[in-house]
């Protein structure tokens, strides 16, 4: 049996962002919540997509990249039926994949306005775990 690779929550967030970028997720942000009192997780990783198909592909890419590198599956998944906002919960890192209009409507970045935000540009390679 293969042993899980232990990653820091920050490294996991970067790995997730890589998975998003692989399927052309855009407006990728990593919100660091570690210094916010009573935050529910260490990081949110958020991105947008243009269609149901792209939202689904991004979620699948994140799932595959994380599993390939850590043998870890999400603890919880939501939204894969309606494909407007897919949530993947890795406990220390929560992934939010939005259709652009849904992201603007919910505006969760504003709800966590005290978070340190890292903007990820297309072409950035964050993870050092790629083989």
N, C-alpha and C. Protein backbone atom coordinates (compact mmCIF):
# COMPACT_ATOMS: atom_id res chain seq x y z
N UNK A 1 0.84 -1.19 0.00
CA UNK A 1 0.00 0.00 0.00
C UNK A 1 0.88 1.24 0.00
N UNK A 2 0.51 2.18 -0.85
CA UNK A 2 1.25 3.42 -0.98
C UNK A 2 0.94 4.35 0.18
N UNK A 3 1.96 4.92 0.76
CA UNK A 3 1.76 5.85 1.88
C UNK A 3 1.46 7.24 1.34
N UNK A 4 0.53 7.95 1.98
CA UNK A 4 0.20 9.32 1.59
C UNK A 4 1.41 10.22 1.80
N UNK A 5 1.66 11.08 0.82
CA UNK A 5 2.70 12.08 0.96
C UNK A 5 2.13 13.20 1.83
N UNK A 6 2.85 13.58 2.84
CA UNK A 6 2.39 14.65 3.71
C UNK A 6 2.77 16.00 3.10
N UNK A 7 1.81 16.84 2.93
CA UNK A 7 2.03 18.18 2.41
C UNK A 7 1.52 19.19 3.41
N UNK A 8 2.15 20.34 3.45
CA UNK A 8 1.61 21.43 4.23
C UNK A 8 0.33 21.90 3.53
N UNK A 9 -0.51 22.58 4.26
CA UNK A 9 -1.74 23.09 3.65
C UNK A 9 -1.41 24.11 2.55
N UNK A 10 -0.33 24.85 2.72
CA UNK A 10 0.08 25.82 1.70
C UNK A 10 0.52 25.12 0.42
N UNK A 11 1.30 24.04 0.54
CA UNK A 11 1.72 23.28 -0.63
C UNK A 11 0.52 22.63 -1.32
N UNK A 12 -0.43 22.16 -0.55
CA UNK A 12 -1.64 21.57 -1.12
C UNK A 12 -2.43 22.64 -1.88
N UNK A 13 -2.53 23.84 -1.34
CA UNK A 13 -3.23 24.94 -2.03
C UNK A 13 -2.56 25.24 -3.36
N UNK A 14 -1.24 25.25 -3.39
CA UNK A 14 -0.51 25.50 -4.63
C UNK A 14 -0.73 24.37 -5.65
N UNK A 15 -0.75 23.15 -5.17
CA UNK A 15 -1.00 22.01 -6.03
C UNK A 15 -2.40 22.11 -6.66
N UNK A 16 -3.36 22.51 -5.87
CA UNK A 16 -4.74 22.69 -6.34
C UNK A 16 -4.79 23.79 -7.41
N UNK A 17 -4.09 24.89 -7.18
CA UNK A 17 -4.06 25.97 -8.18
C UNK A 17 -3.47 25.47 -9.49
N UNK A 18 -2.44 24.63 -9.41
CA UNK A 18 -1.88 24.03 -10.63
C UNK A 18 -2.94 23.23 -11.38
N UNK A 19 -3.72 22.45 -10.66
CA UNK A 19 -4.78 21.67 -11.28
C UNK A 19 -5.81 22.55 -11.96
N UNK A 20 -6.10 23.69 -11.36
CA UNK A 20 -7.04 24.64 -11.96
C UNK A 20 -6.48 25.22 -13.25
N UNK A 21 -5.23 25.61 -13.21
CA UNK A 21 -4.60 26.22 -14.38
C UNK A 21 -4.49 25.24 -15.55
N UNK A 22 -4.35 23.95 -15.24
CA UNK A 22 -4.24 22.94 -16.30
C UNK A 22 -5.48 22.92 -17.19
N UNK A 23 -6.64 23.28 -16.66
CA UNK A 23 -7.88 23.29 -17.44
C UNK A 23 -8.36 24.72 -17.70
N UNK A 24 -7.41 25.64 -17.68
CA UNK A 24 -7.68 27.04 -18.03
C UNK A 24 -8.66 27.73 -17.09
N UNK A 25 -8.67 27.31 -15.81
CA UNK A 25 -9.41 28.07 -14.82
C UNK A 25 -8.81 29.48 -14.79
N UNK A 26 -9.64 30.47 -14.59
CA UNK A 26 -9.12 31.84 -14.59
C UNK A 26 -9.51 32.57 -13.31
N UNK A 27 -8.85 33.71 -13.11
CA UNK A 27 -9.02 34.50 -11.89
C UNK A 27 -8.79 33.60 -10.67
N UNK A 28 -7.67 32.88 -10.70
CA UNK A 28 -7.32 31.96 -9.62
C UNK A 28 -6.74 32.76 -8.46
N UNK A 29 -7.27 32.48 -7.27
CA UNK A 29 -6.80 33.15 -6.06
C UNK A 29 -6.63 32.13 -4.94
N UNK A 30 -5.58 32.33 -4.16
CA UNK A 30 -5.38 31.54 -2.95
C UNK A 30 -5.58 32.51 -1.78
N UNK A 31 -6.59 32.24 -0.96
CA UNK A 31 -6.87 33.06 0.21
C UNK A 31 -6.31 32.36 1.44
N UNK A 32 -5.38 33.01 2.11
CA UNK A 32 -4.75 32.48 3.31
C UNK A 32 -5.59 32.93 4.51
N UNK A 33 -6.24 31.96 5.15
CA UNK A 33 -7.13 32.26 6.27
C UNK A 33 -6.52 31.92 7.62
N UNK A 34 -5.25 31.52 7.62
CA UNK A 34 -4.64 31.00 8.86
C UNK A 34 -4.60 32.01 10.00
N UNK A 35 -4.57 33.30 9.71
CA UNK A 35 -4.49 34.30 10.78
C UNK A 35 -5.85 34.89 11.13
N UNK A 36 -6.91 34.34 10.55
CA UNK A 36 -8.26 34.83 10.83
C UNK A 36 -8.86 33.97 11.94
N UNK A 37 -9.26 34.63 13.01
CA UNK A 37 -9.83 33.94 14.16
C UNK A 37 -11.08 33.16 13.75
N UNK A 38 -11.14 31.92 14.14
CA UNK A 38 -12.26 31.02 13.88
C UNK A 38 -12.49 30.71 12.39
N UNK A 39 -11.44 30.82 11.59
CA UNK A 39 -11.57 30.42 10.18
C UNK A 39 -11.79 28.91 10.13
N UNK A 40 -12.55 28.48 9.16
CA UNK A 40 -12.93 27.08 9.08
C UNK A 40 -11.88 26.20 8.39
N UNK A 41 -10.88 26.80 7.80
CA UNK A 41 -9.84 26.08 7.07
C UNK A 41 -8.61 26.97 6.98
N UNK A 42 -7.52 26.43 6.48
CA UNK A 42 -6.30 27.24 6.32
C UNK A 42 -6.34 28.08 5.04
N UNK A 43 -6.84 27.49 3.97
CA UNK A 43 -6.85 28.17 2.67
C UNK A 43 -8.14 27.91 1.92
N UNK A 44 -8.57 28.92 1.16
CA UNK A 44 -9.53 28.75 0.09
C UNK A 44 -8.74 28.91 -1.21
N UNK A 45 -9.01 28.06 -2.18
CA UNK A 45 -8.46 28.25 -3.52
C UNK A 45 -9.67 28.39 -4.43
N UNK A 46 -9.73 29.51 -5.14
CA UNK A 46 -10.92 29.89 -5.89
C UNK A 46 -10.54 30.13 -7.34
N UNK A 47 -11.41 29.70 -8.26
CA UNK A 47 -11.23 30.05 -9.66
C UNK A 47 -12.59 30.12 -10.34
N UNK A 48 -12.57 30.61 -11.56
CA UNK A 48 -13.77 30.71 -12.39
C UNK A 48 -13.58 29.90 -13.66
N UNK A 49 -14.72 29.51 -14.24
CA UNK A 49 -14.76 28.86 -15.53
C UNK A 49 -15.93 29.42 -16.31
N UNK A 50 -15.96 29.14 -17.61
CA UNK A 50 -16.98 29.73 -18.48
C UNK A 50 -18.19 28.85 -18.74
N UNK A 51 -18.09 27.55 -18.51
CA UNK A 51 -19.20 26.66 -18.89
C UNK A 51 -19.30 25.51 -17.91
N UNK A 52 -20.43 24.79 -17.98
CA UNK A 52 -20.61 23.60 -17.15
C UNK A 52 -19.49 22.60 -17.40
N UNK A 53 -19.15 22.42 -18.67
CA UNK A 53 -18.12 21.46 -19.05
C UNK A 53 -16.76 21.86 -18.47
N UNK A 54 -16.43 23.14 -18.54
CA UNK A 54 -15.15 23.59 -18.01
C UNK A 54 -15.11 23.48 -16.49
N UNK A 55 -16.20 23.85 -15.82
CA UNK A 55 -16.27 23.75 -14.36
C UNK A 55 -16.02 22.31 -13.94
N UNK A 56 -16.66 21.38 -14.61
CA UNK A 56 -16.50 19.96 -14.31
C UNK A 56 -15.07 19.50 -14.58
N UNK A 57 -14.50 19.95 -15.71
CA UNK A 57 -13.13 19.56 -16.07
C UNK A 57 -12.12 20.10 -15.05
N UNK A 58 -12.32 21.30 -14.57
CA UNK A 58 -11.42 21.88 -13.57
C UNK A 58 -11.49 21.06 -12.28
N UNK A 59 -12.69 20.73 -11.84
CA UNK A 59 -12.85 19.93 -10.62
C UNK A 59 -12.17 18.57 -10.77
N UNK A 60 -12.35 17.96 -11.91
CA UNK A 60 -11.73 16.66 -12.16
C UNK A 60 -10.22 16.77 -12.20
N UNK A 61 -9.71 17.84 -12.79
CA UNK A 61 -8.26 18.06 -12.83
C UNK A 61 -7.68 18.23 -11.43
N UNK A 62 -8.35 19.03 -10.61
CA UNK A 62 -7.89 19.23 -9.23
C UNK A 62 -7.87 17.89 -8.50
N UNK A 63 -8.96 17.14 -8.62
CA UNK A 63 -9.07 15.83 -7.99
C UNK A 63 -7.91 14.92 -8.42
N UNK A 64 -7.64 14.87 -9.72
CA UNK A 64 -6.59 13.99 -10.24
C UNK A 64 -5.20 14.43 -9.81
N UNK A 65 -4.92 15.74 -9.88
CA UNK A 65 -3.60 16.25 -9.51
C UNK A 65 -3.32 15.99 -8.03
N UNK A 66 -4.30 16.26 -7.20
CA UNK A 66 -4.11 16.04 -5.76
C UNK A 66 -3.92 14.55 -5.48
N UNK A 67 -4.75 13.71 -6.07
CA UNK A 67 -4.62 12.27 -5.81
C UNK A 67 -3.29 11.73 -6.32
N UNK A 68 -2.88 12.16 -7.50
CA UNK A 68 -1.61 11.69 -8.08
C UNK A 68 -0.42 12.01 -7.18
N UNK A 69 -0.46 13.17 -6.55
CA UNK A 69 0.67 13.61 -5.75
C UNK A 69 0.58 13.26 -4.27
N UNK A 70 -0.64 12.98 -3.78
CA UNK A 70 -0.79 12.74 -2.33
C UNK A 70 -1.59 11.50 -1.97
N UNK A 71 -2.23 10.88 -2.95
CA UNK A 71 -3.16 9.77 -2.73
C UNK A 71 -4.30 10.18 -1.80
N UNK A 72 -4.67 11.44 -1.84
CA UNK A 72 -5.73 11.99 -0.99
C UNK A 72 -6.94 12.35 -1.85
N UNK A 73 -8.11 11.90 -1.43
CA UNK A 73 -9.36 12.29 -2.06
C UNK A 73 -10.00 13.39 -1.22
N UNK A 74 -10.88 14.20 -1.83
CA UNK A 74 -11.58 15.20 -1.03
C UNK A 74 -12.41 14.54 0.07
N UNK A 75 -12.45 15.17 1.22
CA UNK A 75 -13.27 14.69 2.32
C UNK A 75 -14.75 14.84 1.97
N UNK A 76 -15.06 15.89 1.22
CA UNK A 76 -16.45 16.18 0.86
C UNK A 76 -16.49 16.90 -0.48
N UNK A 77 -17.52 16.63 -1.28
CA UNK A 77 -17.74 17.31 -2.56
C UNK A 77 -19.18 17.81 -2.60
N UNK A 78 -19.37 18.97 -3.22
CA UNK A 78 -20.71 19.51 -3.43
C UNK A 78 -20.79 20.20 -4.78
N UNK A 79 -21.97 20.23 -5.36
CA UNK A 79 -22.25 21.03 -6.54
C UNK A 79 -21.97 20.38 -7.88
N UNK A 80 -21.58 19.11 -7.89
CA UNK A 80 -21.24 18.50 -9.16
C UNK A 80 -22.48 18.23 -10.03
N UNK A 81 -23.66 18.29 -9.45
CA UNK A 81 -24.88 18.10 -10.24
C UNK A 81 -25.24 19.36 -11.02
N UNK A 82 -25.20 20.51 -10.37
CA UNK A 82 -25.63 21.74 -11.05
C UNK A 82 -24.50 22.47 -11.77
N UNK A 83 -23.26 22.19 -11.40
CA UNK A 83 -22.07 22.73 -12.07
C UNK A 83 -22.05 24.26 -12.19
N UNK A 84 -22.53 24.93 -11.18
CA UNK A 84 -22.42 26.38 -11.12
C UNK A 84 -21.39 26.79 -10.08
N UNK A 85 -21.26 25.96 -9.03
CA UNK A 85 -20.29 26.19 -7.96
C UNK A 85 -19.94 24.82 -7.41
N UNK A 86 -18.75 24.35 -7.72
CA UNK A 86 -18.31 23.06 -7.22
C UNK A 86 -17.35 23.30 -6.07
N UNK A 87 -17.59 22.61 -4.97
CA UNK A 87 -16.77 22.72 -3.78
C UNK A 87 -16.11 21.37 -3.54
N UNK A 88 -14.79 21.39 -3.34
CA UNK A 88 -14.03 20.20 -2.95
C UNK A 88 -13.37 20.53 -1.62
N UNK A 89 -13.64 19.75 -0.60
CA UNK A 89 -13.15 20.02 0.74
C UNK A 89 -12.04 19.03 1.09
N UNK A 90 -10.82 19.55 1.18
CA UNK A 90 -9.67 18.75 1.60
C UNK A 90 -9.31 19.05 3.06
N UNK A 91 -10.25 19.50 3.83
CA UNK A 91 -10.18 19.85 5.24
C UNK A 91 -9.34 21.11 5.47
N UNK A 92 -8.03 21.05 5.25
CA UNK A 92 -7.18 22.23 5.47
C UNK A 92 -7.23 23.20 4.30
N UNK A 93 -7.73 22.73 3.17
CA UNK A 93 -7.87 23.56 1.98
C UNK A 93 -9.25 23.27 1.37
N UNK A 94 -10.01 24.33 1.12
CA UNK A 94 -11.31 24.19 0.49
C UNK A 94 -11.25 24.85 -0.88
N UNK A 95 -11.70 24.11 -1.88
CA UNK A 95 -11.64 24.52 -3.28
C UNK A 95 -13.02 25.01 -3.71
N UNK A 96 -13.05 26.17 -4.36
CA UNK A 96 -14.29 26.73 -4.90
C UNK A 96 -14.08 26.95 -6.39
N UNK A 97 -14.88 26.29 -7.21
CA UNK A 97 -14.81 26.44 -8.66
C UNK A 97 -16.17 26.97 -9.11
N UNK A 98 -16.16 28.19 -9.62
CA UNK A 98 -17.40 28.90 -9.94
C UNK A 98 -17.57 29.13 -11.43
N UNK A 99 -18.82 29.15 -11.87
CA UNK A 99 -19.13 29.82 -13.12
C UNK A 99 -18.95 31.30 -12.82
N UNK A 100 -18.47 32.04 -13.80
CA UNK A 100 -18.13 33.45 -13.56
C UNK A 100 -19.26 34.25 -12.91
N UNK A 101 -20.50 34.12 -13.41
CA UNK A 101 -21.60 34.91 -12.87
C UNK A 101 -21.95 34.51 -11.44
N UNK A 102 -21.83 33.24 -11.11
CA UNK A 102 -22.10 32.77 -9.74
C UNK A 102 -21.03 33.30 -8.78
N UNK A 103 -19.80 33.35 -9.23
CA UNK A 103 -18.73 33.88 -8.39
C UNK A 103 -18.99 35.35 -8.06
N UNK A 104 -19.38 36.10 -9.04
CA UNK A 104 -19.68 37.52 -8.81
C UNK A 104 -20.86 37.66 -7.84
N UNK A 105 -21.87 36.81 -7.98
CA UNK A 105 -23.05 36.87 -7.12
C UNK A 105 -22.69 36.57 -5.66
N UNK A 106 -21.96 35.48 -5.42
CA UNK A 106 -21.65 35.08 -4.04
C UNK A 106 -20.51 35.87 -3.44
N UNK A 107 -19.55 36.30 -4.24
CA UNK A 107 -18.46 37.19 -3.82
C UNK A 107 -17.83 36.76 -2.49
N UNK A 108 -17.44 35.49 -2.40
CA UNK A 108 -16.89 35.02 -1.13
C UNK A 108 -15.56 35.66 -0.77
N UNK A 109 -14.87 36.21 -1.76
CA UNK A 109 -13.63 36.92 -1.44
C UNK A 109 -13.90 38.10 -0.50
N UNK A 110 -15.02 38.79 -0.72
CA UNK A 110 -15.38 39.91 0.15
C UNK A 110 -15.76 39.45 1.55
N UNK A 111 -16.40 38.28 1.64
CA UNK A 111 -16.76 37.75 2.96
C UNK A 111 -15.53 37.45 3.81
N UNK A 112 -14.43 37.12 3.15
CA UNK A 112 -13.18 36.81 3.83
C UNK A 112 -12.17 37.92 3.52
N UNK A 113 -12.60 39.16 3.63
CA UNK A 113 -11.79 40.32 3.28
C UNK A 113 -10.52 40.48 4.08
N UNK A 114 -10.42 39.84 5.25
CA UNK A 114 -9.20 39.92 6.05
C UNK A 114 -8.14 38.91 5.62
N UNK A 115 -8.48 38.05 4.68
CA UNK A 115 -7.53 37.04 4.22
C UNK A 115 -6.40 37.68 3.41
N UNK A 116 -5.24 37.06 3.46
CA UNK A 116 -4.14 37.45 2.59
C UNK A 116 -4.41 36.75 1.26
N UNK A 117 -4.49 37.55 0.19
CA UNK A 117 -4.86 37.01 -1.12
C UNK A 117 -3.64 36.95 -2.02
N UNK A 118 -3.48 35.80 -2.65
CA UNK A 118 -2.42 35.61 -3.64
C UNK A 118 -3.10 35.37 -4.98
N UNK A 119 -2.82 36.24 -5.94
CA UNK A 119 -3.40 36.14 -7.27
C UNK A 119 -2.48 35.29 -8.14
N UNK A 120 -3.05 34.31 -8.81
CA UNK A 120 -2.27 33.39 -9.63
C UNK A 120 -2.56 33.70 -11.09
N UNK A 121 -1.52 33.94 -11.85
CA UNK A 121 -1.65 34.27 -13.26
C UNK A 121 -1.48 33.02 -14.12
N UNK A 122 -2.13 33.02 -15.28
CA UNK A 122 -1.96 31.91 -16.22
C UNK A 122 -0.46 31.81 -16.56
N UNK A 123 0.03 30.61 -16.58
CA UNK A 123 1.44 30.38 -16.86
C UNK A 123 2.28 30.22 -15.61
N UNK A 124 1.75 30.60 -14.45
CA UNK A 124 2.47 30.38 -13.20
C UNK A 124 2.55 28.88 -12.93
N UNK A 125 3.70 28.43 -12.50
CA UNK A 125 3.83 27.05 -12.05
C UNK A 125 4.18 27.13 -10.57
N UNK A 126 3.29 26.65 -9.74
CA UNK A 126 3.44 26.83 -8.30
C UNK A 126 4.04 25.62 -7.62
N UNK A 127 3.62 24.44 -8.05
CA UNK A 127 3.97 23.22 -7.34
C UNK A 127 5.35 22.73 -7.72
N UNK A 128 6.09 22.30 -6.74
CA UNK A 128 7.39 21.68 -6.99
C UNK A 128 7.25 20.16 -7.02
N UNK A 129 6.03 19.65 -6.95
CA UNK A 129 5.81 18.20 -6.89
C UNK A 129 5.61 17.57 -8.25
N UNK A 130 5.48 18.37 -9.29
CA UNK A 130 5.23 17.80 -10.61
C UNK A 130 6.37 16.88 -11.02
N UNK A 131 5.99 15.81 -11.71
CA UNK A 131 7.01 14.83 -12.10
C UNK A 131 7.36 14.97 -13.55
